[in-house]
Structures are given as structure tokens and as C-alpha cells.
Amino acid sequence: MKVIFIIIIFSTFLHSQPDHDASSIIYGSCPFECCQFGQWIIKDSINVYPNEGDTNSISFVLNDDDTVFAETGNLHFYKLGKF
């Protein structure tokens, strides 16, 4: 009976993530479930641009096994789908 009572109370605090359209930006968010900001190890090369949303020129490239410290982040949705 105690387990059922706890589940009922906590289930009222659970919320699904909001729906987003293909041009959405979520500010201050990590890009994947259980994500944490802090030290990250690059697993595949990635281009770094001078300003958010500006993909005209590349500032530098992060390569495999480089490390970065992520202080915060924004999620940009370009194409939506379910998996």
C-alpha cells in the first residue's frame, strides 16, 4: 500500500517534454537524456562557428579525443522525428 501511495503522489509531478516545431531553440539545455554540463570528450570531429546560428565560416574544428568544458548550451531543432 505504501508503494502505491508514493507512486500516486509522485506521478502528479511527472510531465512530458513539450512539443517543438522544426525551428525551435531550447535555451540552457543539454542535447541528450541524462546529459550533464562539464568536461566532454569529442568522439567525432565537429565544426565550431564564431556565433550561434552562423554557419558561414568555421572558427576551428574539434577532433576526436579533444576535450571541452561545456558551461551551458542551446538545442536547435532543424528536423523533427520520432525514434
Protein backbone atom coordinates (compact mmCIF):
# COMPACT_ATOMS: atom_id res chain seq x y z
CA MET A 1 0.00 0.00 0.00
CA LYS A 2 2.86 2.42 0.73
CA VAL A 3 4.38 1.87 -2.72
CA ILE A 4 1.09 2.64 -4.46
CA PHE A 5 0.66 5.77 -2.38
CA ILE A 6 4.16 7.04 -3.27
CA ILE A 7 3.63 6.36 -6.98
CA ILE A 8 0.35 8.27 -6.98
CA ILE A 9 1.88 11.30 -5.27
CA PHE A 10 4.97 11.48 -7.48
CA SER A 11 3.12 10.78 -10.71
CA THR A 12 1.43 14.19 -10.37
CA PHE A 13 4.89 15.82 -10.71
CA LEU A 14 5.85 14.00 -13.91
CA HIS A 15 5.49 15.96 -17.12
CA SER A 16 6.34 15.06 -20.70
CA GLN A 17 8.61 17.32 -22.70
CA PRO A 18 6.78 19.96 -24.74
CA ASP A 19 6.35 19.54 -28.49
CA HIS A 20 8.60 21.69 -30.66
CA ASP A 21 8.47 22.70 -34.28
CA ALA A 22 11.41 22.38 -36.67
CA SER A 23 12.66 25.90 -35.96
CA SER A 24 12.66 25.68 -32.15
CA ILE A 25 15.52 26.64 -29.85
CA ILE A 26 15.59 25.48 -26.24
CA TYR A 27 17.95 27.69 -24.25
CA GLY A 28 20.16 26.34 -21.46
CA SER A 29 19.52 22.69 -22.26
CA CYS A 30 21.69 19.61 -22.70
CA PRO A 31 21.35 17.75 -26.01
CA PHE A 32 20.52 14.28 -24.71
CA GLU A 33 18.90 12.40 -21.84
CA CYS A 34 20.97 12.30 -18.62
CA CYS A 35 23.27 14.94 -20.12
CA GLN A 36 25.42 16.99 -17.79
CA PHE A 37 27.45 20.09 -18.48
CA GLY A 38 31.13 19.93 -17.64
CA GLN A 39 34.06 18.20 -19.32
CA TRP A 40 33.19 16.39 -22.57
CA ILE A 41 35.40 14.25 -24.78
CA ILE A 42 34.86 14.71 -28.51
CA LYS A 43 34.11 11.39 -30.24
CA ASP A 44 33.77 12.65 -33.82
CA SER A 45 35.14 15.83 -35.36
CA ILE A 46 32.84 18.83 -35.19
CA ASN A 47 32.97 22.32 -36.69
CA VAL A 48 32.89 25.27 -34.29
CA TYR A 49 31.41 28.53 -35.58
CA PRO A 50 32.05 32.10 -34.39
CA ASN A 51 28.44 32.79 -33.37
CA GLU A 52 25.41 30.70 -32.59
CA GLY A 53 23.40 30.10 -35.75
CA ASP A 54 26.16 31.44 -38.03
CA THR A 55 27.40 28.58 -40.21
CA ASN A 56 29.02 30.75 -42.90
CA SER A 57 32.57 30.46 -41.61
CA ILE A 58 34.28 27.89 -39.38
CA SER A 59 36.35 29.21 -36.46
CA PHE A 60 38.07 25.89 -35.76
CA VAL A 61 37.48 22.14 -35.71
CA LEU A 62 37.36 19.93 -32.63
CA ASN A 63 38.81 16.49 -33.39
CA ASP A 64 38.45 13.01 -31.90
CA ASP A 65 39.62 12.82 -28.27
CA ASP A 66 39.79 16.62 -27.82
CA THR A 67 38.25 17.78 -24.55
CA VAL A 68 35.98 20.77 -23.99
CA PHE A 69 34.24 22.18 -20.94
CA ALA A 70 30.54 22.78 -21.59
CA GLU A 71 29.17 25.53 -19.33
CA THR A 72 25.73 25.75 -20.93
CA GLY A 73 24.07 25.01 -24.24
CA ASN A 74 21.12 25.61 -26.52
CA LEU A 75 19.31 22.96 -28.54
CA HIS A 76 18.48 23.92 -32.11
CA PHE A 77 15.86 21.80 -33.85
CA TYR A 78 16.19 21.62 -37.63
CA LYS A 79 14.35 18.40 -38.43
CA LEU A 80 11.98 16.61 -36.10
CA GLY A 81 11.22 12.94 -35.87
CA LYS A 82 10.40 10.11 -33.51
CA PHE A 83 12.51 7.08 -32.72
